[in-house]
Amino acid sequence: MSIKTEAGVPILETARTILRPHRLGDFETYAAMWAEPAITRFIGGKPRTREESWM
C-alpha cells in the first residue's frame, strides 16, 4: 500500500483500490449515483437532485 497526500488529505492506494478526496471531475458520477433510487435505498436517504448532490 502507498500513501500520498492531496491538499493535506491522505490518498491510500493498493493494487485494486484508490481512496482519495472528491474532485470536481467526480461530480457527474456522484450526482447520478444519488439520483438513482435503487442505490439510495441501500445507502440511506432519498434520491437527490443535482443541486442537492452538490457537496
Protein backbone atom coordinates (compact mmCIF):
# COMPACT_ATOMS: atom_id res chain seq x y z
CA MET A 1 0.00 0.00 0.00
CA SER A 2 1.24 3.50 -0.74
CA ILE A 3 0.16 6.72 0.96
CA LYS A 4 0.31 10.10 -0.78
CA THR A 5 -1.44 13.36 0.02
CA GLU A 6 -3.63 15.79 -1.91
CA ALA A 7 -4.26 19.14 -0.22
CA GLY A 8 -3.14 17.57 3.04
CA VAL A 9 -5.61 14.67 2.78
CA PRO A 10 -4.07 11.19 2.55
CA ILE A 11 -4.55 9.17 -0.64
CA LEU A 12 -4.44 5.45 0.05
CA GLU A 13 -3.56 3.14 -2.85
CA THR A 14 -3.48 -0.63 -3.11
CA ALA A 15 -3.22 -2.83 -6.19
CA ARG A 16 -7.01 -2.62 -6.73
CA THR A 17 -8.28 0.44 -4.86
CA ILE A 18 -7.59 4.16 -4.59
CA LEU A 19 -9.19 6.20 -1.79
CA ARG A 20 -8.81 9.94 -2.38
CA PRO A 21 -10.68 13.20 -1.77
CA HIS A 22 -13.53 14.16 -4.10
CA ARG A 23 -12.63 16.13 -7.22
CA LEU A 24 -14.82 18.33 -9.41
CA GLY A 25 -14.50 15.73 -12.17
CA ASP A 26 -16.25 13.21 -9.91
CA PHE A 27 -19.47 15.22 -9.74
CA GLU A 28 -21.35 13.77 -12.73
CA THR A 29 -20.95 10.21 -11.45
CA TYR A 30 -21.67 11.26 -7.86
CA ALA A 31 -24.87 13.10 -8.86
CA ALA A 32 -26.03 10.16 -10.99
CA MET A 33 -25.47 7.78 -8.08
CA TRP A 34 -27.52 9.94 -5.67
CA ALA A 35 -30.34 10.32 -8.23
CA GLU A 36 -30.83 6.54 -8.51
CA PRO A 37 -33.49 5.11 -6.12
CA ALA A 38 -32.05 1.59 -6.46
CA ILE A 39 -28.80 2.87 -4.93
CA THR A 40 -30.07 5.34 -2.34
CA ARG A 41 -32.33 2.77 -0.76
CA PHE A 42 -29.21 0.82 0.29
CA ILE A 43 -27.09 3.77 1.44
CA GLY A 44 -29.78 5.72 3.22
CA GLY A 45 -31.77 8.76 2.40
CA LYS A 46 -33.77 9.54 -0.69
CA PRO A 47 -32.82 10.28 -4.29
CA ARG A 48 -31.32 13.76 -4.71
CA THR A 49 -31.40 16.36 -7.44
CA ARG A 50 -28.12 17.61 -8.94
CA GLU A 51 -28.38 20.70 -6.74
CA GLU A 52 -28.89 18.60 -3.61
CA SER A 53 -25.94 16.41 -4.58
CA TRP A 54 -23.52 19.32 -4.68
CA MET A 55 -21.36 18.93 -1.59
